Amino acid sequence: PGFGIAQDYVNQLMEVILNTITVWSYKDDPQHCGPKLLCSANNNIFSRGFLVPNILTYLSSMIISFSSDTHSPSRVMMAARRGRKGEDCHHLFPECKINL
């Protein structure tokens, strides 16, 4: 037995933090892994039960989109938006072989 809702909340926060670190490290990858991973991080964001992890994912997406040196902010934000819409990120970015 775990700690119930508190454990779920902490798990989601940790997932957001780890995903953000991963996306940040690949944000300027030539195989477009940054946008793909950002798309994946935003996939099913609204199916999570807690508001704070969802807001953190959204805010980190905005920060990463404006900090990329190789991709325009609109392209990166579009990748995040497509993930939130539930589109298949692997199909959208086939040149990147990395998954979250």
N, C-alpha and C. Protein backbone atom coordinates (compact mmCIF):
# COMPACT_ATOMS: atom_id res chain seq x y z
N PRO A 1 0.83 -1.20 0.00
CA PRO A 1 0.00 0.00 0.00
C PRO A 1 0.87 1.26 0.00
N GLY A 2 0.41 2.23 -0.75
CA GLY A 2 1.15 3.49 -0.85
C GLY A 2 0.49 4.58 -0.04
N PHE A 3 0.78 5.79 -0.43
CA PHE A 3 0.25 6.96 0.27
C PHE A 3 -0.92 7.58 -0.48
N GLY A 4 -1.51 6.83 -1.39
CA GLY A 4 -2.72 7.27 -2.08
C GLY A 4 -2.52 8.49 -2.96
N ILE A 5 -3.37 9.47 -2.75
CA ILE A 5 -3.40 10.66 -3.59
C ILE A 5 -2.09 11.45 -3.48
N ALA A 6 -1.53 11.54 -2.28
CA ALA A 6 -0.27 12.27 -2.11
C ALA A 6 0.84 11.64 -2.94
N GLN A 7 0.89 10.32 -2.94
CA GLN A 7 1.92 9.63 -3.73
C GLN A 7 1.70 9.86 -5.22
N ASP A 8 0.46 9.81 -5.68
CA ASP A 8 0.16 10.07 -7.08
C ASP A 8 0.58 11.49 -7.48
N TYR A 9 0.32 12.44 -6.61
CA TYR A 9 0.68 13.83 -6.86
C TYR A 9 2.19 13.99 -6.98
N VAL A 10 2.92 13.42 -6.05
CA VAL A 10 4.39 13.49 -6.08
C VAL A 10 4.93 12.79 -7.31
N ASN A 11 4.36 11.65 -7.67
CA ASN A 11 4.80 10.93 -8.87
C ASN A 11 4.61 11.77 -10.12
N GLN A 12 3.47 12.46 -10.22
CA GLN A 12 3.22 13.30 -11.40
C GLN A 12 4.17 14.50 -11.43
N LEU A 13 4.44 15.09 -10.27
CA LEU A 13 5.39 16.19 -10.24
C LEU A 13 6.78 15.74 -10.67
N MET A 14 7.21 14.59 -10.18
CA MET A 14 8.52 14.06 -10.56
C MET A 14 8.58 13.74 -12.05
N GLU A 15 7.50 13.22 -12.59
CA GLU A 15 7.45 12.92 -14.02
C GLU A 15 7.60 14.21 -14.84
N VAL A 16 6.91 15.26 -14.42
CA VAL A 16 7.01 16.56 -15.12
C VAL A 16 8.44 17.08 -15.06
N ILE A 17 9.06 17.00 -13.90
CA ILE A 17 10.43 17.49 -13.74
C ILE A 17 11.41 16.70 -14.61
N LEU A 18 11.31 15.38 -14.58
CA LEU A 18 12.21 14.54 -15.39
C LEU A 18 11.98 14.74 -16.88
N ASN A 19 10.70 14.86 -17.29
CA ASN A 19 10.41 15.12 -18.70
C ASN A 19 10.96 16.46 -19.14
N THR A 20 10.85 17.47 -18.28
CA THR A 20 11.36 18.80 -18.61
C THR A 20 12.88 18.77 -18.79
N ILE A 21 13.56 18.08 -17.90
CA ILE A 21 15.02 17.96 -18.01
C ILE A 21 15.40 17.26 -19.31
N THR A 22 14.68 16.19 -19.65
CA THR A 22 14.97 15.45 -20.88
C THR A 22 14.72 16.31 -22.11
N VAL A 23 13.58 16.99 -22.15
CA VAL A 23 13.27 17.85 -23.30
C VAL A 23 14.30 18.96 -23.41
N TRP A 24 14.68 19.57 -22.29
CA TRP A 24 15.67 20.65 -22.31
C TRP A 24 17.00 20.17 -22.90
N SER A 25 17.40 18.97 -22.53
CA SER A 25 18.70 18.48 -23.00
C SER A 25 18.69 18.16 -24.50
N TYR A 26 17.52 17.95 -25.09
CA TYR A 26 17.42 17.65 -26.53
C TYR A 26 16.78 18.80 -27.31
N LYS A 27 16.59 19.97 -26.72
CA LYS A 27 15.82 21.04 -27.36
C LYS A 27 16.41 21.51 -28.69
N ASP A 28 17.71 21.42 -28.86
CA ASP A 28 18.35 21.86 -30.10
C ASP A 28 18.94 20.70 -30.90
N ASP A 29 18.43 19.52 -30.69
CA ASP A 29 18.91 18.32 -31.37
C ASP A 29 18.61 18.40 -32.87
N PRO A 30 19.57 18.07 -33.74
CA PRO A 30 19.35 18.17 -35.19
C PRO A 30 18.30 17.19 -35.72
N GLN A 31 18.02 16.13 -35.00
CA GLN A 31 16.99 15.18 -35.45
C GLN A 31 15.60 15.57 -34.97
N HIS A 32 15.43 16.79 -34.50
CA HIS A 32 14.13 17.31 -34.04
C HIS A 32 13.58 16.55 -32.84
N CYS A 33 14.48 16.06 -32.00
CA CYS A 33 14.02 15.33 -30.82
C CYS A 33 13.40 16.26 -29.77
N GLY A 34 13.85 17.51 -29.73
CA GLY A 34 13.26 18.45 -28.78
C GLY A 34 11.78 18.62 -29.00
N PRO A 35 11.36 18.98 -30.22
CA PRO A 35 9.92 19.10 -30.47
C PRO A 35 9.16 17.79 -30.27
N LYS A 36 9.76 16.67 -30.65
CA LYS A 36 9.07 15.39 -30.47
C LYS A 36 8.88 15.09 -28.99
N LEU A 37 9.92 15.29 -28.19
CA LEU A 37 9.81 15.00 -26.76
C LEU A 37 8.86 15.97 -26.08
N LEU A 38 8.82 17.21 -26.54
CA LEU A 38 7.88 18.17 -26.00
C LEU A 38 6.45 17.79 -26.36
N CYS A 39 6.28 17.31 -27.57
CA CYS A 39 4.97 16.78 -27.99
C CYS A 39 4.56 15.63 -27.07
N SER A 40 5.47 14.71 -26.83
CA SER A 40 5.19 13.56 -25.98
C SER A 40 4.89 13.96 -24.54
N ALA A 41 5.63 14.95 -24.03
CA ALA A 41 5.42 15.40 -22.66
C ALA A 41 4.03 16.02 -22.48
N ASN A 42 3.52 16.61 -23.55
CA ASN A 42 2.20 17.24 -23.49
C ASN A 42 1.07 16.30 -23.87
N ASN A 43 1.43 15.10 -24.30
CA ASN A 43 0.41 14.11 -24.69
C ASN A 43 -0.39 13.70 -23.46
N ASN A 44 -1.68 13.69 -23.57
CA ASN A 44 -2.59 13.30 -22.49
C ASN A 44 -2.46 14.16 -21.25
N ILE A 45 -2.05 15.40 -21.41
CA ILE A 45 -1.86 16.28 -20.26
C ILE A 45 -3.19 16.51 -19.52
N PHE A 46 -4.28 16.56 -20.24
CA PHE A 46 -5.56 16.86 -19.59
C PHE A 46 -6.20 15.65 -18.95
N SER A 47 -5.64 14.48 -19.17
CA SER A 47 -6.19 13.28 -18.52
C SER A 47 -5.62 13.08 -17.12
N ARG A 48 -4.58 13.85 -16.78
CA ARG A 48 -4.03 13.78 -15.43
C ARG A 48 -5.01 14.42 -14.46
N GLY A 49 -5.00 13.94 -13.25
CA GLY A 49 -5.97 14.43 -12.29
C GLY A 49 -5.58 15.67 -11.51
N PHE A 50 -4.34 16.10 -11.58
CA PHE A 50 -3.88 17.20 -10.74
C PHE A 50 -3.55 18.42 -11.58
N LEU A 51 -3.93 19.58 -11.11
CA LEU A 51 -3.77 20.81 -11.85
C LEU A 51 -2.33 21.30 -11.90
N VAL A 52 -1.62 21.24 -10.79
CA VAL A 52 -0.26 21.80 -10.73
C VAL A 52 0.70 21.12 -11.71
N PRO A 53 0.76 19.78 -11.80
CA PRO A 53 1.64 19.17 -12.81
C PRO A 53 1.27 19.58 -14.24
N ASN A 54 -0.03 19.76 -14.51
CA ASN A 54 -0.45 20.19 -15.85
C ASN A 54 0.04 21.61 -16.15
N ILE A 55 -0.08 22.49 -15.17
CA ILE A 55 0.38 23.87 -15.34
C ILE A 55 1.89 23.90 -15.52
N LEU A 56 2.61 23.11 -14.73
CA LEU A 56 4.08 23.06 -14.85
C LEU A 56 4.51 22.56 -16.23
N THR A 57 3.81 21.55 -16.75
CA THR A 57 4.12 21.04 -18.09
C THR A 57 3.90 22.13 -19.13
N TYR A 58 2.80 22.84 -19.01
CA TYR A 58 2.49 23.91 -19.96
C TYR A 58 3.53 25.03 -19.88
N LEU A 59 3.85 25.46 -18.67
CA LEU A 59 4.83 26.54 -18.50
C LEU A 59 6.23 26.14 -18.97
N SER A 60 6.62 24.90 -18.66
CA SER A 60 7.95 24.46 -19.11
C SER A 60 7.99 24.37 -20.63
N SER A 61 6.87 24.03 -21.27
CA SER A 61 6.81 24.00 -22.73
C SER A 61 7.04 25.39 -23.30
N MET A 62 6.43 26.40 -22.68
CA MET A 62 6.61 27.78 -23.15
C MET A 62 8.06 28.23 -22.98
N ILE A 63 8.65 27.93 -21.84
CA ILE A 63 10.04 28.33 -21.58
C ILE A 63 10.99 27.67 -22.57
N ILE A 64 10.81 26.37 -22.80
CA ILE A 64 11.67 25.64 -23.73
C ILE A 64 11.49 26.17 -25.15
N SER A 65 10.27 26.50 -25.53
CA SER A 65 10.03 26.97 -26.89
C SER A 65 10.75 28.28 -27.18
N PHE A 66 10.86 29.15 -26.17
CA PHE A 66 11.53 30.43 -26.39
C PHE A 66 13.04 30.37 -26.17
N SER A 67 13.52 29.24 -25.66
CA SER A 67 14.96 29.14 -25.39
C SER A 67 15.70 28.32 -26.44
N SER A 68 15.00 27.77 -27.39
CA SER A 68 15.65 26.97 -28.43
C SER A 68 16.44 27.87 -29.36
N ASP A 69 17.64 27.44 -29.68
CA ASP A 69 18.50 28.19 -30.60
C ASP A 69 18.30 27.79 -32.06
N THR A 70 17.76 26.61 -32.29
CA THR A 70 17.65 26.11 -33.66
C THR A 70 16.22 26.05 -34.19
N HIS A 71 15.23 26.04 -33.31
CA HIS A 71 13.83 25.94 -33.75
C HIS A 71 13.09 27.21 -33.36
N SER A 72 12.18 27.65 -34.22
CA SER A 72 11.41 28.84 -33.89
C SER A 72 10.43 28.53 -32.76
N PRO A 73 10.13 29.52 -31.92
CA PRO A 73 9.18 29.28 -30.82
C PRO A 73 7.83 28.76 -31.30
N SER A 74 7.37 29.26 -32.44
CA SER A 74 6.06 28.81 -32.92
C SER A 74 6.09 27.34 -33.32
N ARG A 75 7.19 26.87 -33.88
CA ARG A 75 7.29 25.46 -34.26
C ARG A 75 7.31 24.56 -33.03
N VAL A 76 8.02 24.98 -32.01
CA VAL A 76 8.11 24.18 -30.78
C VAL A 76 6.77 24.20 -30.04
N MET A 77 6.13 25.37 -29.97
CA MET A 77 4.83 25.44 -29.31
C MET A 77 3.78 24.63 -30.08
N MET A 78 3.91 24.58 -31.41
CA MET A 78 2.99 23.78 -32.20
C MET A 78 3.17 22.30 -31.88
N ALA A 79 4.41 21.87 -31.66
CA ALA A 79 4.65 20.48 -31.27
C ALA A 79 3.98 20.16 -29.94
N ALA A 80 4.10 21.09 -28.98
CA ALA A 80 3.46 20.89 -27.68
C ALA A 80 1.93 20.86 -27.84
N ARG A 81 1.42 21.75 -28.66
CA ARG A 81 -0.04 21.79 -28.89
C ARG A 81 -0.54 20.51 -29.53
N ARG A 82 0.21 20.00 -30.49
CA ARG A 82 -0.20 18.76 -31.15
C ARG A 82 -0.19 17.60 -30.17
N GLY A 83 0.75 17.63 -29.23
CA GLY A 83 0.76 16.61 -28.18
C GLY A 83 -0.46 16.71 -27.30
N ARG A 84 -0.85 17.94 -26.93
CA ARG A 84 -2.04 18.12 -26.10
C ARG A 84 -3.30 17.69 -26.83
N LYS A 85 -3.28 17.80 -28.16
CA LYS A 85 -4.43 17.37 -28.95
C LYS A 85 -4.48 15.86 -29.12
N GLY A 86 -3.43 15.16 -28.65
CA GLY A 86 -3.42 13.70 -28.71
C GLY A 86 -2.88 13.12 -30.00
N GLU A 87 -2.19 13.94 -30.80
CA GLU A 87 -1.63 13.44 -32.05
C GLU A 87 -0.45 12.51 -31.77
N ASP A 88 -0.15 11.66 -32.72
CA ASP A 88 0.92 10.68 -32.59
C ASP A 88 2.27 11.36 -32.82
N CYS A 89 2.99 11.60 -31.73
CA CYS A 89 4.26 12.33 -31.80
C CYS A 89 5.33 11.55 -32.57
N HIS A 90 5.32 10.23 -32.45
CA HIS A 90 6.30 9.42 -33.17
C HIS A 90 6.08 9.55 -34.68
N HIS A 91 4.84 9.60 -35.09
CA HIS A 91 4.52 9.75 -36.51
C HIS A 91 4.86 11.16 -37.01
N LEU A 92 4.68 12.17 -36.15
CA LEU A 92 4.96 13.55 -36.54
C LEU A 92 6.44 13.83 -36.68
N PHE A 93 7.26 13.14 -35.87
CA PHE A 93 8.71 13.36 -35.86
C PHE A 93 9.44 12.03 -36.03
N PRO A 94 9.34 11.40 -37.20
CA PRO A 94 9.93 10.07 -37.39
C PRO A 94 11.46 10.06 -37.39
N GLU A 95 12.08 11.24 -37.64
CA GLU A 95 13.55 11.26 -37.69
C GLU A 95 14.18 11.12 -36.30
N CYS A 96 13.40 11.32 -35.24
CA CYS A 96 13.89 11.17 -33.87
C CYS A 96 13.48 9.80 -33.36
N LYS A 97 14.45 9.02 -32.92
CA LYS A 97 14.18 7.65 -32.44
C LYS A 97 14.04 7.56 -30.93
N ILE A 98 14.15 8.69 -30.23
CA ILE A 98 14.08 8.70 -28.76
C ILE A 98 12.63 8.91 -28.33
N ASN A 99 12.22 8.22 -27.28
CA ASN A 99 10.88 8.39 -26.70
C ASN A 99 10.99 8.71 -25.22
N LEU A 100 10.00 9.42 -24.71
CA LEU A 100 9.94 9.67 -23.26
C LEU A 100 9.48 8.41 -22.57
